Protein backbone atom coordinates (compact mmCIF):
# COMPACT_ATOMS: atom_id res chain seq x y z
CA MET A 1 -101.99 94.17 89.12
CA PRO A 2 -98.93 92.21 87.90
CA SER A 3 -97.22 93.40 84.75
CA ALA A 4 -97.71 91.45 81.50
CA ALA A 5 -94.16 90.13 81.86
CA ASP A 6 -94.80 88.94 85.40
CA ALA A 7 -98.12 87.41 84.35
CA PHE A 8 -96.49 85.40 81.60
CA SER A 9 -93.66 84.30 83.90
CA ALA A 10 -96.35 82.89 86.18
CA ILE A 11 -97.96 81.10 83.23
CA ARG A 12 -94.62 79.61 82.24
CA GLU A 13 -94.02 78.42 85.79
CA LYS A 14 -97.46 76.84 85.92
CA ALA A 15 -96.87 75.16 82.54
CA HIS A 16 -93.69 73.52 83.83
CA GLU A 17 -95.56 72.41 86.93
CA LEU A 18 -98.13 70.71 84.69
CA GLY A 19 -95.50 68.76 82.79
CA PHE A 20 -94.64 70.98 79.82
CA ASN A 21 -90.96 71.27 78.99
CA ALA A 22 -91.13 74.69 77.33
CA CYS A 23 -93.57 77.59 77.13
CA ARG A 24 -93.31 80.65 74.88
CA VAL A 25 -95.65 83.31 73.50
CA THR A 26 -96.13 85.13 70.21
CA ASP A 27 -98.67 87.54 68.76
CA ALA A 28 -101.68 86.51 66.71
CA GLU A 29 -100.70 88.28 63.50
CA ALA A 30 -100.97 86.40 60.24
CA ASP A 31 -97.86 85.77 58.17
CA PRO A 32 -98.44 85.78 54.39
CA ALA A 33 -95.63 83.22 54.02
CA TRP A 34 -97.74 80.64 55.85
CA ARG A 35 -100.54 80.92 53.32
CA ARG A 36 -98.10 80.81 50.39
CA SER A 37 -96.40 77.64 51.60
CA LEU A 38 -99.75 75.96 52.18
CA GLN A 39 -100.96 77.02 48.74
CA GLU A 40 -97.79 75.74 47.07
CA LEU A 41 -98.16 72.36 48.77
CA THR A 42 -101.79 71.82 47.81
CA THR A 43 -101.45 73.25 44.29
CA ALA A 44 -98.64 70.80 43.60
CA GLY A 45 -100.82 67.98 44.88
CA ARG A 46 -98.20 66.86 47.39
CA HIS A 47 -100.78 66.69 50.19
CA GLY A 48 -102.16 63.41 48.82
CA ASP A 49 -105.23 62.24 50.75
CA MET A 50 -104.86 65.02 53.31
CA ASP A 51 -107.63 67.14 51.80
CA TRP A 52 -108.17 68.74 55.21
CA LEU A 53 -105.13 70.90 54.44
CA GLU A 54 -107.18 72.67 51.75
CA ARG A 55 -110.23 73.16 53.93
CA ARG A 56 -110.37 76.19 56.22
CA ALA A 57 -107.09 77.48 54.78
CA ASP A 58 -107.89 81.05 55.85
CA GLU A 59 -108.26 79.98 59.49
CA ARG A 60 -105.16 77.83 59.29
CA SER A 61 -102.95 80.65 58.05
CA ASP A 62 -104.43 83.46 60.18
CA PRO A 63 -105.20 82.92 63.89
CA ARG A 64 -107.76 85.75 63.88
CA GLN A 65 -109.73 84.04 61.13
CA LEU A 66 -110.12 81.11 63.49
CA TRP A 67 -110.97 83.32 66.49
CA SER A 68 -111.33 87.05 65.98
CA ASP A 69 -110.67 87.93 69.65
CA VAL A 70 -107.28 86.25 69.95
CA ARG A 71 -104.40 88.58 70.77
CA SER A 72 -101.63 86.23 71.86
CA VAL A 73 -100.74 82.60 71.17
CA ILE A 74 -99.05 80.65 73.95
CA THR A 75 -97.06 77.75 72.51
CA LEU A 76 -96.04 74.77 74.59
CA ALA A 77 -93.83 71.71 74.16
CA MET A 78 -94.01 68.35 75.92
CA SER A 79 -91.16 65.90 75.42
CA TYR A 80 -91.76 62.33 74.30
CA GLY A 81 -88.05 61.55 73.99
CA PRO A 82 -87.19 57.82 73.71
CA ASP A 83 -84.74 56.06 76.00
CA HIS A 84 -82.81 54.55 73.06
CA ASP A 85 -82.01 55.23 69.40
CA PRO A 86 -85.15 54.28 67.41
CA LEU A 87 -83.01 53.49 64.37
CA ASP A 88 -81.86 50.36 66.22
CA ASP A 89 -85.43 49.03 66.08
CA LEU A 90 -85.21 48.75 62.29
CA LYS A 91 -82.66 45.94 62.66
CA ARG A 92 -85.26 43.55 64.12
CA THR A 93 -86.92 42.70 60.84
CA ASP A 94 -89.37 40.22 62.36
CA ARG A 95 -90.82 43.03 64.50
CA GLY A 96 -92.95 45.99 63.50
CA VAL A 97 -91.70 49.51 64.14
CA VAL A 98 -94.24 52.02 65.43
CA SER A 99 -93.18 55.66 65.50
CA VAL A 100 -91.96 56.69 68.95
CA TYR A 101 -94.73 59.25 69.46
CA ALA A 102 -97.41 56.58 69.05
CA ARG A 103 -96.09 53.93 71.43
CA GLY A 104 -97.81 55.36 74.50
CA ARG A 105 -101.21 56.82 75.18
CA ASP A 106 -102.72 59.07 72.50
CA TYR A 107 -100.84 62.36 72.81
CA HIS A 108 -103.96 64.31 71.84
CA ASP A 109 -105.57 63.22 75.11
CA VAL A 110 -102.44 63.66 77.23
CA VAL A 111 -101.42 67.09 75.96
CA LYS A 112 -104.95 68.48 75.76
CA LYS A 113 -105.67 67.47 79.36
CA ARG A 114 -102.65 69.48 80.54
CA LEU A 115 -103.48 72.36 78.22
CA LYS A 116 -106.99 72.56 79.61
CA ALA A 117 -105.64 72.58 83.15
CA LEU A 118 -103.33 75.47 82.27
CA ALA A 119 -106.13 77.28 80.44
CA ARG A 120 -108.44 76.98 83.46
CA TRP A 121 -105.72 78.41 85.67
CA ILE A 122 -105.23 81.34 83.28
CA VAL A 123 -108.97 82.07 83.28
CA GLU A 124 -109.18 81.83 87.06
CA THR A 125 -106.20 84.12 87.66
CA SER A 126 -106.77 86.66 84.89
CA GLY A 127 -110.39 86.47 83.75
CA ALA A 128 -109.18 86.25 80.14
CA GLU A 129 -110.78 84.16 77.43
CA VAL A 130 -108.86 81.19 76.03
CA LYS A 131 -109.08 78.38 73.49
CA VAL A 132 -106.81 75.30 73.42
CA PHE A 133 -105.59 73.32 70.43
CA VAL A 134 -103.59 70.13 69.87
CA ASP A 135 -102.87 69.15 66.28
CA THR A 136 -106.44 68.55 65.09
CA ALA A 137 -107.58 72.19 64.63
CA PRO A 138 -106.69 74.43 61.66
CA VAL A 139 -103.63 75.90 63.38
CA MET A 140 -100.16 76.40 61.88
CA GLU A 141 -98.45 74.85 64.87
CA LYS A 142 -94.87 74.71 63.68
CA PRO A 143 -94.69 78.25 62.25
CA LEU A 144 -96.27 79.65 65.42
CA ALA A 145 -93.87 77.67 67.57
CA GLN A 146 -90.88 78.91 65.59
CA ARG A 147 -92.05 82.51 65.78
CA SER A 148 -92.49 82.17 69.53
CA GLY A 149 -88.96 80.83 69.98
CA LEU A 150 -89.78 77.21 70.88
CA GLY A 151 -87.50 76.02 68.11
CA TRP A 152 -86.98 76.27 64.37
CA GLN A 153 -88.28 74.27 61.45
CA GLY A 154 -85.34 72.17 60.36
CA LYS A 155 -84.51 70.93 56.90
CA HIS A 156 -86.92 68.02 57.50
CA SER A 157 -89.68 70.65 58.12
CA ASN A 158 -90.21 69.47 61.71
CA LEU A 159 -89.50 71.65 64.70
CA VAL A 160 -86.10 71.32 66.37
CA SER A 161 -85.16 72.70 69.78
CA ARG A 162 -81.73 73.31 71.24
CA GLU A 163 -83.13 72.10 74.59
CA LEU A 164 -85.35 69.20 73.47
CA GLY A 165 -83.95 68.02 70.16
CA SER A 166 -86.66 66.68 67.83
CA TRP A 167 -88.82 64.72 70.25
CA PHE A 168 -91.69 66.85 71.52
CA PHE A 169 -95.38 67.49 71.04
CA LEU A 170 -96.82 70.95 70.46
CA GLY A 171 -99.93 72.57 71.91
CA GLU A 172 -101.35 76.08 71.73
CA ILE A 173 -103.48 78.33 73.87
CA TYR A 174 -105.13 81.22 72.06
CA THR A 175 -105.95 84.01 74.50
CA THR A 176 -107.31 87.54 74.68
CA LEU A 177 -104.38 88.50 76.91
CA VAL A 178 -101.70 90.69 75.38
CA PHE A 179 -98.06 89.78 76.00
CA GLU A 180 -94.74 90.95 74.64
CA PRO A 181 -93.83 88.25 72.08
CA ASP A 182 -90.79 86.09 72.67
CA PRO A 183 -88.14 86.42 69.95
CA PRO A 184 -88.18 83.82 67.16
CA GLU A 185 -85.61 81.04 67.22
CA PRO A 186 -83.07 81.35 64.39
CA ASP A 187 -82.16 78.40 62.19
CA HIS A 188 -79.31 76.27 63.57
CA CYS A 189 -79.16 73.56 60.88
CA GLY A 190 -76.10 75.04 59.20
CA SER A 191 -74.64 72.82 56.50
CA CYS A 192 -75.98 69.59 58.05
CA ARG A 193 -78.20 67.51 55.78
CA ALA A 194 -78.38 64.28 57.77
CA CYS A 195 -82.19 64.29 57.76
CA GLN A 196 -82.26 64.71 53.98
CA ASP A 197 -79.77 61.94 53.32
CA ILE A 198 -81.35 59.30 55.54
CA CYS A 199 -84.90 59.51 54.13
CA PRO A 200 -85.72 56.07 52.66
CA THR A 201 -88.11 57.46 50.03
CA ASP A 202 -86.43 60.75 49.06
CA ALA A 203 -89.35 62.72 50.43
CA PHE A 204 -87.41 66.01 50.53
CA PRO A 205 -87.27 67.66 47.09
CA GLN A 206 -85.08 70.32 48.68
CA PRO A 207 -84.06 71.41 52.19
CA TYR A 208 -86.93 72.70 54.33
CA GLN A 209 -89.47 71.24 51.93
CA LEU A 210 -91.30 67.94 52.43
CA ASP A 211 -93.30 66.06 49.81
CA PRO A 212 -95.81 64.34 52.14
CA SER A 213 -97.01 62.01 49.39
CA ARG A 214 -93.59 60.31 49.45
CA CYS A 215 -93.18 60.30 53.23
CA ILE A 216 -93.47 56.94 55.02
CA SER A 217 -95.37 58.61 57.86
CA TYR A 218 -97.97 59.78 55.36
CA LEU A 219 -98.03 56.48 53.48
CA THR A 220 -98.53 54.33 56.58
CA ILE A 221 -100.96 56.62 58.40
CA GLU A 222 -102.85 58.99 56.11
CA HIS A 223 -102.81 57.24 52.75
CA LYS A 224 -106.09 55.42 52.24
CA GLY A 225 -105.27 53.43 49.13
CA HIS A 226 -102.75 50.92 47.84
CA ILE A 227 -99.11 51.80 48.38
CA ALA A 228 -97.12 52.21 45.19
CA PRO A 229 -94.46 49.55 44.48
CA GLU A 230 -91.59 52.06 44.62
CA PHE A 231 -92.25 52.74 48.30
CA ARG A 232 -92.75 49.20 49.60
CA GLU A 233 -89.19 48.00 49.98
CA PRO A 234 -87.98 51.34 51.45
CA MET A 235 -90.68 51.02 54.12
CA GLY A 236 -88.80 48.12 55.67
CA ASN A 237 -90.54 47.11 58.89
CA ARG A 238 -92.05 50.54 59.57
CA ILE A 239 -95.76 49.88 60.11
CA TYR A 240 -96.88 53.20 61.58
CA GLY A 241 -94.91 56.35 60.90
CA CYS A 242 -91.19 56.88 60.43
CA ASP A 243 -88.67 58.50 62.77
CA ASP A 244 -85.53 58.40 60.63
CA CYS A 245 -85.22 62.11 59.89
CA LEU A 246 -85.89 62.95 63.54
CA ALA A 247 -83.62 60.29 65.02
CA VAL A 248 -80.58 61.27 62.99
CA CYS A 249 -80.70 64.96 63.95
CA PRO A 250 -77.53 65.89 65.88
CA TRP A 251 -79.51 68.24 68.11
CA ASN A 252 -80.98 65.18 69.80
CA LYS A 253 -77.89 65.12 71.99
CA PHE A 254 -79.88 67.61 74.06
CA ALA A 255 -83.13 65.61 73.99
CA VAL A 256 -84.68 64.53 77.27
CA VAL A 257 -86.46 61.26 77.94
CA ALA A 258 -90.20 61.71 78.37
CA ARG A 259 -91.17 62.22 82.00
CA GLU A 260 -94.92 61.98 81.42
CA ALA A 261 -95.90 58.43 82.44
CA ALA A 262 -98.80 58.28 79.98
CA LEU A 263 -96.37 58.77 77.09
CA ALA A 264 -94.18 55.83 78.11
CA PRO A 265 -94.19 53.07 75.47
CA ARG A 266 -96.51 50.15 75.99
CA ASP A 267 -94.79 46.79 76.06
CA SER A 268 -97.12 45.63 73.26
CA LEU A 269 -95.87 48.40 70.96
CA ALA A 270 -92.15 48.14 71.67
CA GLY A 271 -91.30 45.74 68.86
CA PRO A 272 -94.49 43.69 68.31
CA ARG A 273 -94.12 40.52 66.26
CA LEU A 274 -95.29 41.02 62.69
CA THR A 275 -96.88 37.57 62.55
CA ASP A 276 -99.01 38.42 65.57
CA LEU A 277 -100.12 41.71 64.03
CA ALA A 278 -100.98 39.99 60.75
CA ALA A 279 -103.61 37.94 62.58
CA LEU A 280 -105.53 40.96 63.92
CA ASP A 281 -109.20 41.22 63.05
CA ASP A 282 -111.06 44.47 63.60
CA SER A 283 -112.05 43.70 67.17
CA ALA A 284 -108.55 42.64 68.20
CA PHE A 285 -107.06 45.69 66.46
CA ARG A 286 -109.35 48.03 68.39
CA GLU A 287 -108.54 46.36 71.67
CA LEU A 288 -104.78 46.38 71.10
CA PHE A 289 -104.74 50.05 70.12
CA ARG A 290 -107.35 51.34 72.53
CA ALA A 291 -106.41 54.92 73.57
CA SER A 292 -103.57 54.86 71.03
CA PRO A 293 -103.15 57.17 68.01
CA VAL A 294 -102.57 54.03 65.91
CA LYS A 295 -106.28 53.28 66.15
CA ARG A 296 -107.10 56.12 63.79
CA THR A 297 -105.64 54.31 60.78
CA GLY A 298 -108.17 51.52 61.07
CA ARG A 299 -107.42 47.82 60.95
CA ASP A 300 -107.26 47.43 57.16
CA ARG A 301 -104.64 50.12 56.51
CA PHE A 302 -102.61 48.90 59.45
CA VAL A 303 -102.55 45.25 58.36
CA ARG A 304 -101.76 46.46 54.81
CA ASN A 305 -98.60 47.96 56.32
CA VAL A 306 -97.87 44.76 58.22
CA MET A 307 -98.05 42.76 55.00
CA ILE A 308 -95.43 45.03 53.44
CA ALA A 309 -93.21 44.65 56.49
CA LEU A 310 -93.54 40.87 56.30
CA GLY A 311 -92.61 41.00 52.63
CA ASN A 312 -89.48 42.89 53.61
CA SER A 313 -88.63 40.58 56.51
CA GLY A 314 -86.92 37.93 54.40
CA ASP A 315 -88.35 35.35 56.78
CA PRO A 316 -89.95 32.37 54.98
CA ASP A 317 -91.35 31.23 58.32
CA SER A 318 -93.75 34.16 58.02
CA LEU A 319 -95.32 32.69 54.90
CA ASN A 320 -98.31 31.17 56.70
CA ALA A 321 -99.18 34.54 58.23
CA VAL A 322 -99.17 36.01 54.72
CA ARG A 323 -101.21 33.19 53.17
CA THR A 324 -104.05 33.70 55.64
CA ARG A 325 -104.46 37.26 54.42
CA LEU A 326 -104.87 36.30 50.76
CA ASP A 327 -108.54 35.76 51.63
CA ASP A 328 -108.86 38.89 53.74
CA ALA A 329 -112.06 40.92 53.40
CA SER A 330 -110.05 44.05 52.60
CA PRO A 331 -108.55 44.46 49.11
CA LEU A 332 -105.87 46.67 50.67
CA VAL A 333 -104.69 43.71 52.72
CA ARG A 334 -105.11 41.12 49.97
CA ALA A 335 -103.06 43.16 47.50
CA MET A 336 -100.12 43.52 49.87
CA ALA A 337 -100.42 39.87 50.90
CA VAL A 338 -99.89 38.98 47.23
CA TRP A 339 -96.79 41.20 47.15
CA ALA A 340 -95.46 39.70 50.39
CA LEU A 341 -96.08 36.19 49.06
CA SER A 342 -94.03 37.00 45.98
CA ARG A 343 -91.13 38.07 48.21
CA LEU A 344 -91.19 35.15 50.63
CA GLY A 345 -92.60 32.17 48.76
CA ALA A 346 -90.88 29.75 46.44
CA ALA A 347 -91.97 29.86 42.79
CA HIS A 348 -94.21 26.80 43.10
CA GLU A 349 -95.89 28.21 46.24
CA VAL A 350 -96.65 31.48 44.48
CA ALA A 351 -98.01 29.66 41.43
CA GLU A 352 -100.24 27.44 43.56
CA ALA A 353 -101.63 30.44 45.42
CA ARG A 354 -102.31 32.31 42.20
CA ALA A 355 -104.15 29.35 40.72
CA THR A 356 -106.39 29.25 43.80
CA HIS A 357 -107.09 32.95 44.29
CA TYR A 358 -106.79 34.78 40.98
CA VAL A 359 -109.98 33.59 39.29
CA ALA A 360 -112.14 34.45 42.29
CA GLU A 361 -110.57 37.89 42.81
CA GLN A 362 -112.99 40.74 42.04
CA ASP A 363 -110.85 43.75 42.94
CA ALA A 364 -108.91 45.18 39.99
CA ALA A 365 -105.99 46.41 42.10
CA VAL A 366 -105.50 42.98 43.66
CA ARG A 367 -105.67 41.32 40.25
CA ARG A 368 -102.93 43.69 39.07
CA GLU A 369 -100.72 42.47 41.91
CA TRP A 370 -101.27 38.89 40.75
CA ASP A 371 -100.65 39.90 37.14
CA ALA A 372 -97.39 41.57 38.14
CA LEU A 373 -96.10 38.17 39.25
CA GLU A 374 -96.44 36.90 35.68
CA SER A 375 -94.46 39.72 34.09
């Protein structure tokens, strides 16, 4: 029988063969700090619409509450590193910026497929029991990854690796096997605060602490309602997620470009024209984002974001694309179309549109957008 160390070395080798860039292991012990940080976030109400953070909190903060038989947690990283600086994409204001991780195939499908292949191999070679997780289960992925030595949670609260920078997905395999845990990765942020300083919406109340309700990634993806006026201009042309705090991290000098073909960016998501996206109906949205994580936002929230980006574009030629959405079936879209109109249209154009649409408008939030134009 191979030793536990030899067995895990074989697992790590197999993980690399399957396309993972790093593989570490930690124990399944709970850490009271995880529960405290989760409690602080939800008590302060900073989780916004993400009520799933409150549900199953015991399982989230203690692996053995999720599965009583787990003894070790294998953590894995798969790079999705871009081939250019994503901050350059923000300069093309007529184009929408989709977060780098969402430009290829849905990472849930890609990573889970490889995790399942590794899990099957572990079962076949050891007879152990396993469970695999990618993002959607109540698992404290980043704390587990830090404790296993994959990286450390930087001042932006995301995981950073000295080998992979900021650009990688995480996955976990819970197993009944017992391994000697890898040592945790110490913090290497030092005095750097680049990620704090670049945030467009001041979403970091202090280092290592994120207020998700102010984060553009939360606002464009998770937030179900109207986006507050204070966040609209800072959103720029970001229509799904935000990479600023990741892209500016100096540890990205060690990042590697994604080698998994399925994670390569689709041409249609590498700078799509905002005017084209504004025209999407539900069917066209679903077709464009088939097998993409963007699909989960739904068409209405996505086009809401596009309207804000058009309002920030400064391009009066986009006005027709905005006007067509003043009659949209979704109040989320109509409200932001009003805001975009106010940014792009001449005074007489705005007045004419208000005279046509205000009286018929039934949604209170949309009416408030029209009223704001009069103040």
